[in-house]
Amino acid sequence: MKTNVVILGCGPAGLAAAAAVIHSGRECVIVSNTSQPSRLYGCQYLHAPVPGYEYAPKTQVGYWLIGTPEEYRRKVYGDKWEGKVSPEDFVGVHDAWDIRTTYRHMWNELITGNLVWLHEEPDIRDGILPDFVFALRPEKIISTIPAPALCLKDHKFTYHTIYASGSTSQKPFDENEIICDGTAQHPWYRISRVFGYQTIEWATAPETREPHAAVPKPLETDCDCYPEIARVGRYGKWQKSALVHEVYPEVKRLLA
């Protein structure tokens, strides 16, 4: 008998989880409050391909830092947060896979291909899951939605809001390159152009008329609500270091 797994969220992490469930020979239900693909603000690339979607374009990315990691940490997060920052792990040249192509193919195959079901009105708010989720009697619930949506108490959720724009008024040095700046040399802290998509990110609201989006960057939480629900992905875990390519193998382990 196939196992019914419910996945909360249809962003890149949610669909990577769905792929892992289906490749494990199980049935999958995706619950989301939208019937549209996610807008991938700030998403740049995958550090490894999602199995089954290895045909996504691959390149090498140059990841560089102006200043020191400590300067970068203070510029982006202020003096109080002491967690690890991206330049500490990623500076140098490494392989990269196109996250947008991967996500588009996963959406076309996992949503419109009817391998999973998308519910358009989950009504998840104030930490309460809708009754129909439990009525499905799933063996496993896997959440990729922002963790505060599943909090039943007054738990702590630490995050930092950054501002992202697709502006091309400033460019990195080369194509497929990411420049991080911890100094006062530039008002932005990261500028990137990978697979033809450019993003500029600021730690505070920029003084520009160009359209930009406020994006919360999860840092940490002490929430332990719904211990029976597995949390994966950055927003599910509410953890900055959780990356999309890690979701597939993590879900495979959960179902083993």
Foldseek 3Di string as FASTA:
>chain_A
DAFEEEEEDLALLRLLLVVLSVVVVHAYAYEYQAPDYDDPFPDFFAQQDRPVPNVFDKDKAAEEEADDQVLLCCQQPNDPDDDGDDVVPDHGIGMTGHSVVRSVVSCCCCDVVPSYDYDNHQPQALQDTDPVVCVVVGPAYEYAAAQNSNFNDPKDWDKAKKKKAQDPPDADPDARYKYAYSDVPDQFGIWHHYPRTIMTMHSDDDPDPGDIDIDIQQDAIPGCGPVRHHAADCRSRSHNPGGSSVSSVVSNVVVD
